[in-house]
Amino acid sequence: MATMQTTKTHSGGRVKAYPAPKQLATRTDLTQDEVKAITEALNPLIADAFALYLKTKNFHWHLSGSHFRDYHLLFDEHADAIFGAIDILAERVRRVGGTTIRSISHISQLQTINDDNDEFVSPGNMVRRLMDDNAHLAKAQRAAHEVCEKNRDVATASELEIIIDQTERRTWFLFEVAQGLDNTD
């Protein structure tokens, strides 16, 4: 049995992601158990997408070296795609009757993508870290897709198929860039 997702609030209380308050409990033909499973599968993806978005922007802002322009543009393009997926997934959670991310602390409780606060990261290491994080995210997205299919949420499963493809595309691009890393550090 899955546990209820909660996060500490600023005042020390817990934020519930499920069940939704009456005013936010969107009507659906999905059962309460199905809505709970979908909510608990998607919210960590949303938290990871926020974490990966910020890491990608961090690297975009702190690039150096001979491939600055190419990586700067690539990382910005990737960040935009990641950010776009966040709203799609969060709105799916709301449409099925759950609630979603409310704060940075909520993200930190659910994320599995590590933050990156290093003072300096070489461009080659940036590429490797982002490639690994995108691959990790794709794996988690596939697991959430299975939960959505199992719980009759074909619309979210369909959205996840598109998002998985985008995540795999980013992983592929980063993999190809990594093939020539000897000239990037």
C-alpha atoms as a PDB file:
ATOM      1  CA  MET A   1       0.000   0.000   0.000  1.00  0.00           C
ATOM      2  CA  ALA A   2       1.420   3.397  -0.980  1.00  0.00           C
ATOM      3  CA  THR A   3       1.901   6.053   1.652  1.00  0.00           C
ATOM      4  CA  MET A   4       0.323   9.476   1.485  1.00  0.00           C
ATOM      5  CA  GLN A   5       2.669  12.086   0.014  1.00  0.00           C
ATOM      6  CA  THR A   6       3.330  14.887   2.426  1.00  0.00           C
ATOM      7  CA  THR A   7       5.874  17.636   2.730  1.00  0.00           C
ATOM      8  CA  LYS A   8       6.806  19.931   5.607  1.00  0.00           C
ATOM      9  CA  THR A   9       5.454  23.424   5.296  1.00  0.00           C
ATOM     10  CA  HIS A  10       7.192  26.569   6.500  1.00  0.00           C
ATOM     11  CA  SER A  11       5.191  26.417   9.703  1.00  0.00           C
ATOM     12  CA  GLY A  12       6.288  22.822  10.379  1.00  0.00           C
ATOM     13  CA  GLY A  13       3.046  21.146   9.284  1.00  0.00           C
ATOM     14  CA  ARG A  14       2.668  18.677   6.445  1.00  0.00           C
ATOM     15  CA  VAL A  15       1.331  19.398   2.951  1.00  0.00           C
ATOM     16  CA  LYS A  16      -0.889  16.628   1.637  1.00  0.00           C
ATOM     17  CA  ALA A  17      -0.755  15.854  -2.069  1.00  0.00           C
ATOM     18  CA  TYR A  18      -3.627  13.416  -1.715  1.00  0.00           C
ATOM     19  CA  PRO A  19      -6.513  13.439  -1.039  1.00  0.00           C
ATOM     20  CA  ALA A  20      -7.299  16.837  -2.486  1.00  0.00           C
ATOM     21  CA  PRO A  21      -9.373  19.293  -0.449  1.00  0.00           C
ATOM     22  CA  LYS A  22     -13.026  19.254  -1.451  1.00  0.00           C
ATOM     23  CA  GLN A  23     -12.618  22.526  -3.389  1.00  0.00           C
ATOM     24  CA  LEU A  24      -9.802  21.018  -5.509  1.00  0.00           C
ATOM     25  CA  ALA A  25     -11.102  17.450  -5.886  1.00  0.00           C
ATOM     26  CA  THR A  26     -11.813  17.422  -9.610  1.00  0.00           C
ATOM     27  CA  ARG A  27     -14.585  14.993 -10.550  1.00  0.00           C
ATOM     28  CA  THR A  28     -13.452  11.899 -12.397  1.00  0.00           C
ATOM     29  CA  ASP A  29     -14.613   8.342 -12.979  1.00  0.00           C
ATOM     30  CA  LEU A  30     -11.278   7.111 -11.621  1.00  0.00           C
ATOM     31  CA  THR A  31     -11.453   5.495  -8.197  1.00  0.00           C
ATOM     32  CA  GLN A  32      -9.858   7.115  -5.160  1.00  0.00           C
ATOM     33  CA  ASP A  33      -7.129   4.433  -5.224  1.00  0.00           C
ATOM     34  CA  GLU A  34      -6.442   5.121  -8.911  1.00  0.00           C
ATOM     35  CA  VAL A  35      -6.200   8.874  -8.348  1.00  0.00           C
ATOM     36  CA  LYS A  36      -3.874   8.321  -5.390  1.00  0.00           C
ATOM     37  CA  ALA A  37      -1.600   6.001  -7.397  1.00  0.00           C
ATOM     38  CA  ILE A  38      -1.426   8.439 -10.321  1.00  0.00           C
ATOM     39  CA  THR A  39      -0.779  11.428  -8.041  1.00  0.00           C
ATOM     40  CA  GLU A  40       1.969   9.566  -6.201  1.00  0.00           C
ATOM     41  CA  ALA A  41       3.573   8.509  -9.497  1.00  0.00           C
ATOM     42  CA  LEU A  42       3.515  11.957 -11.113  1.00  0.00           C
ATOM     43  CA  ASN A  43       4.479  14.323  -8.305  1.00  0.00           C
ATOM     44  CA  PRO A  44       8.028  12.917  -7.942  1.00  0.00           C
ATOM     45  CA  LEU A  45       8.423  13.290 -11.729  1.00  0.00           C
ATOM     46  CA  ILE A  46       7.395  16.919 -11.449  1.00  0.00           C
ATOM     47  CA  ALA A  47       9.846  17.459  -8.573  1.00  0.00           C
ATOM     48  CA  ASP A  48      12.619  15.814 -10.605  1.00  0.00           C
ATOM     49  CA  ALA A  49      11.747  17.932 -13.630  1.00  0.00           C
ATOM     50  CA  PHE A  50      12.068  21.088 -11.517  1.00  0.00           C
ATOM     51  CA  ALA A  51      15.414  19.871 -10.134  1.00  0.00           C
ATOM     52  CA  LEU A  52      16.695  18.991 -13.616  1.00  0.00           C
ATOM     53  CA  TYR A  53      15.396  22.264 -15.046  1.00  0.00           C
ATOM     54  CA  LEU A  54      17.333  24.251 -12.444  1.00  0.00           C
ATOM     55  CA  LYS A  55      20.470  22.132 -12.879  1.00  0.00           C
ATOM     56  CA  THR A  56      20.297  22.609 -16.653  1.00  0.00           C
ATOM     57  CA  LYS A  57      19.879  26.378 -16.238  1.00  0.00           C
ATOM     58  CA  ASN A  58      22.721  26.406 -13.679  1.00  0.00           C
ATOM     59  CA  PHE A  59      25.001  24.808 -16.251  1.00  0.00           C
ATOM     60  CA  HIS A  60      23.664  27.128 -18.983  1.00  0.00           C
ATOM     61  CA  TRP A  61      24.572  30.146 -16.823  1.00  0.00           C
ATOM     62  CA  HIS A  62      27.969  28.845 -15.679  1.00  0.00           C
ATOM     63  CA  LEU A  63      29.491  27.518 -18.879  1.00  0.00           C
ATOM     64  CA  SER A  64      33.020  28.227 -19.973  1.00  0.00           C
ATOM     65  CA  GLY A  65      35.330  27.050 -22.688  1.00  0.00           C
ATOM     66  CA  SER A  66      35.610  26.668 -26.425  1.00  0.00           C
ATOM     67  CA  HIS A  67      32.122  25.165 -26.899  1.00  0.00           C
ATOM     68  CA  PHE A  68      30.397  27.862 -24.871  1.00  0.00           C
ATOM     69  CA  ARG A  69      27.952  29.001 -27.533  1.00  0.00           C
ATOM     70  CA  ASP A  70      26.882  25.506 -28.631  1.00  0.00           C
ATOM     71  CA  TYR A  71      26.386  24.199 -25.090  1.00  0.00           C
ATOM     72  CA  HIS A  72      24.790  27.439 -23.910  1.00  0.00           C
ATOM     73  CA  LEU A  73      22.146  27.141 -26.623  1.00  0.00           C
ATOM     74  CA  LEU A  74      21.718  23.371 -26.179  1.00  0.00           C
ATOM     75  CA  PHE A  75      21.236  23.636 -22.415  1.00  0.00           C
ATOM     76  CA  ASP A  76      18.740  26.469 -22.859  1.00  0.00           C
ATOM     77  CA  GLU A  77      16.757  24.412 -25.387  1.00  0.00           C
ATOM     78  CA  HIS A  78      16.783  21.451 -22.995  1.00  0.00           C
ATOM     79  CA  ALA A  79      15.683  23.588 -20.052  1.00  0.00           C
ATOM     80  CA  ASP A  80      12.742  24.955 -22.052  1.00  0.00           C
ATOM     81  CA  ALA A  81      11.587  21.424 -22.922  1.00  0.00           C
ATOM     82  CA  ILE A  82      11.897  20.256 -19.317  1.00  0.00           C
ATOM     83  CA  PHE A  83       9.984  23.280 -18.053  1.00  0.00           C
ATOM     84  CA  GLY A  84       7.218  22.641 -20.583  1.00  0.00           C
ATOM     85  CA  ALA A  85       6.716  19.099 -19.298  1.00  0.00           C
ATOM     86  CA  ILE A  86       6.220  20.336 -15.732  1.00  0.00           C
ATOM     87  CA  ASP A  87       2.952  22.138 -16.441  1.00  0.00           C
ATOM     88  CA  ILE A  88       1.597  19.253 -18.521  1.00  0.00           C
ATOM     89  CA  LEU A  89       2.157  16.750 -15.706  1.00  0.00           C
ATOM     90  CA  ALA A  90       0.995  19.064 -12.920  1.00  0.00           C
ATOM     91  CA  GLU A  91      -2.229  19.812 -14.771  1.00  0.00           C
ATOM     92  CA  ARG A  92      -2.788  16.084 -15.330  1.00  0.00           C
ATOM     93  CA  VAL A  93      -2.535  15.538 -11.562  1.00  0.00           C
ATOM     94  CA  ARG A  94      -5.173  18.227 -11.043  1.00  0.00           C
ATOM     95  CA  ARG A  95      -7.437  16.906 -13.801  1.00  0.00           C
ATOM     96  CA  VAL A  96      -7.636  13.480 -12.215  1.00  0.00           C
ATOM     97  CA  GLY A  97      -8.395  14.888  -8.763  1.00  0.00           C
ATOM     98  CA  GLY A  98      -5.024  15.124  -6.999  1.00  0.00           C
ATOM     99  CA  THR A  99      -2.912  18.083  -5.971  1.00  0.00           C
ATOM    100  CA  THR A 100       0.630  18.788  -6.988  1.00  0.00           C
ATOM    101  CA  ILE A 101       3.821  20.643  -6.086  1.00  0.00           C
ATOM    102  CA  ARG A 102       3.372  23.701  -3.888  1.00  0.00           C
ATOM    103  CA  SER A 103       6.869  24.873  -2.993  1.00  0.00           C
ATOM    104  CA  ILE A 104      10.617  24.409  -3.196  1.00  0.00           C
ATOM    105  CA  SER A 105      10.489  22.404   0.034  1.00  0.00           C
ATOM    106  CA  HIS A 106       7.849  20.150  -1.500  1.00  0.00           C
ATOM    107  CA  ILE A 107      10.179  19.580  -4.458  1.00  0.00           C
ATOM    108  CA  SER A 108      13.110  18.820  -2.166  1.00  0.00           C
ATOM    109  CA  GLN A 109      11.104  16.169  -0.351  1.00  0.00           C
ATOM    110  CA  LEU A 110      10.181  14.332  -3.567  1.00  0.00           C
ATOM    111  CA  GLN A 111      13.120  14.846  -5.937  1.00  0.00           C
ATOM    112  CA  THR A 112      15.521  12.027  -6.779  1.00  0.00           C
ATOM    113  CA  ILE A 113      17.703  14.168  -9.078  1.00  0.00           C
ATOM    114  CA  ASN A 114      20.616  15.504  -7.035  1.00  0.00           C
ATOM    115  CA  ASP A 115      21.176  19.229  -6.776  1.00  0.00           C
ATOM    116  CA  ASP A 116      24.463  20.527  -8.129  1.00  0.00           C
ATOM    117  CA  ASN A 117      26.052  23.274  -6.034  1.00  0.00           C
ATOM    118  CA  ASP A 118      29.652  22.783  -7.134  1.00  0.00           C
ATOM    119  CA  GLU A 119      31.543  26.042  -7.523  1.00  0.00           C
ATOM    120  CA  PHE A 120      32.870  24.984 -10.919  1.00  0.00           C
ATOM    121  CA  VAL A 121      31.905  22.125 -13.218  1.00  0.00           C
ATOM    122  CA  SER A 122      33.810  21.558 -16.449  1.00  0.00           C
ATOM    123  CA  PRO A 123      31.696  21.528 -19.609  1.00  0.00           C
ATOM    124  CA  GLY A 124      32.426  17.827 -20.097  1.00  0.00           C
ATOM    125  CA  ASN A 125      31.198  16.990 -16.607  1.00  0.00           C
ATOM    126  CA  MET A 126      28.116  19.136 -17.170  1.00  0.00           C
ATOM    127  CA  VAL A 127      27.280  17.068 -20.244  1.00  0.00           C
ATOM    128  CA  ARG A 128      27.838  13.780 -18.401  1.00  0.00           C
ATOM    129  CA  ARG A 129      25.771  14.811 -15.380  1.00  0.00           C
ATOM    130  CA  LEU A 130      22.876  16.033 -17.497  1.00  0.00           C
ATOM    131  CA  MET A 131      23.022  12.890 -19.659  1.00  0.00           C
ATOM    132  CA  ASP A 132      22.845  10.677 -16.557  1.00  0.00           C
ATOM    133  CA  ASP A 133      20.049  12.740 -14.999  1.00  0.00           C
ATOM    134  CA  ASN A 134      17.974  12.672 -18.183  1.00  0.00           C
ATOM    135  CA  ALA A 135      18.452   8.894 -18.438  1.00  0.00           C
ATOM    136  CA  HIS A 136      17.368   8.571 -14.785  1.00  0.00           C
ATOM    137  CA  LEU A 137      14.320  10.724 -15.472  1.00  0.00           C
ATOM    138  CA  ALA A 138      13.322   8.643 -18.513  1.00  0.00           C
ATOM    139  CA  LYS A 139      13.408   5.503 -16.374  1.00  0.00           C
ATOM    140  CA  ALA A 140      11.166   7.133 -13.763  1.00  0.00           C
ATOM    141  CA  GLN A 141       8.828   8.408 -16.486  1.00  0.00           C
ATOM    142  CA  ARG A 142       8.449   4.876 -17.846  1.00  0.00           C
ATOM    143  CA  ALA A 143       7.567   3.600 -14.367  1.00  0.00           C
ATOM    144  CA  ALA A 144       4.949   6.358 -13.996  1.00  0.00           C
ATOM    145  CA  HIS A 145       3.590   5.467 -17.445  1.00  0.00           C
ATOM    146  CA  GLU A 146       3.015   1.906 -16.228  1.00  0.00           C
ATOM    147  CA  VAL A 147       1.163   3.213 -13.157  1.00  0.00           C
ATOM    148  CA  CYS A 148      -1.057   5.392 -15.340  1.00  0.00           C
ATOM    149  CA  GLU A 149      -1.864   2.523 -17.695  1.00  0.00           C
ATOM    150  CA  LYS A 150      -2.589   0.186 -14.792  1.00  0.00           C
ATOM    151  CA  ASN A 151      -4.933   2.790 -13.280  1.00  0.00           C
ATOM    152  CA  ARG A 152      -6.938   3.557 -16.460  1.00  0.00           C
ATOM    153  CA  ASP A 153      -5.414   7.000 -17.036  1.00  0.00           C
ATOM    154  CA  VAL A 154      -4.772   6.752 -20.758  1.00  0.00           C
ATOM    155  CA  ALA A 155      -4.570  10.534 -21.209  1.00  0.00           C
ATOM    156  CA  THR A 156      -1.655  10.901 -18.799  1.00  0.00           C
ATOM    157  CA  ALA A 157      -0.018   7.783 -20.254  1.00  0.00           C
ATOM    158  CA  SER A 158      -0.259   9.403 -23.693  1.00  0.00           C
ATOM    159  CA  GLU A 159       1.278  12.660 -22.452  1.00  0.00           C
ATOM    160  CA  LEU A 160       4.053  10.682 -20.782  1.00  0.00           C
ATOM    161  CA  GLU A 161       4.850   8.946 -24.078  1.00  0.00           C
ATOM    162  CA  ILE A 162       5.587  12.324 -25.637  1.00  0.00           C
ATOM    163  CA  ILE A 163       7.550  13.490 -22.601  1.00  0.00           C
ATOM    164  CA  ILE A 164       9.574  10.255 -22.517  1.00  0.00           C
ATOM    165  CA  ASP A 165      10.455  10.771 -26.176  1.00  0.00           C
ATOM    166  CA  GLN A 166      11.639  14.312 -25.405  1.00  0.00           C
ATOM    167  CA  THR A 167      13.702  13.071 -22.457  1.00  0.00           C
ATOM    168  CA  GLU A 168      15.269  10.344 -24.581  1.00  0.00           C
ATOM    169  CA  ARG A 169      16.060  12.941 -27.248  1.00  0.00           C
ATOM    170  CA  ARG A 170      17.907  15.065 -24.706  1.00  0.00           C
ATOM    171  CA  THR A 171      19.778  11.995 -23.445  1.00  0.00           C
ATOM    172  CA  TRP A 172      20.726  11.091 -27.020  1.00  0.00           C
ATOM    173  CA  PHE A 173      21.987  14.593 -27.825  1.00  0.00           C
ATOM    174  CA  LEU A 174      24.048  14.677 -24.637  1.00  0.00           C
ATOM    175  CA  PHE A 175      25.395  11.192 -25.367  1.00  0.00           C
ATOM    176  CA  GLU A 176      26.534  12.311 -28.814  1.00  0.00           C
ATOM    177  CA  VAL A 177      28.156  15.440 -27.385  1.00  0.00           C
ATOM    178  CA  ALA A 178      29.924  13.253 -24.807  1.00  0.00           C
ATOM    179  CA  GLN A 179      31.525  11.250 -27.632  1.00  0.00           C
ATOM    180  CA  GLY A 180      33.826  14.196 -28.319  1.00  0.00           C
ATOM    181  CA  LEU A 181      34.502  15.356 -24.766  1.00  0.00           C
ATOM    182  CA  ASP A 182      38.269  15.163 -25.136  1.00  0.00           C
ATOM    183  CA  ASN A 183      38.148  18.607 -26.733  1.00  0.00           C
ATOM    184  CA  THR A 184      35.738  20.240 -24.246  1.00  0.00           C
ATOM    185  CA  ASP A 185      37.477  20.377 -20.851  1.00  0.00           C
END
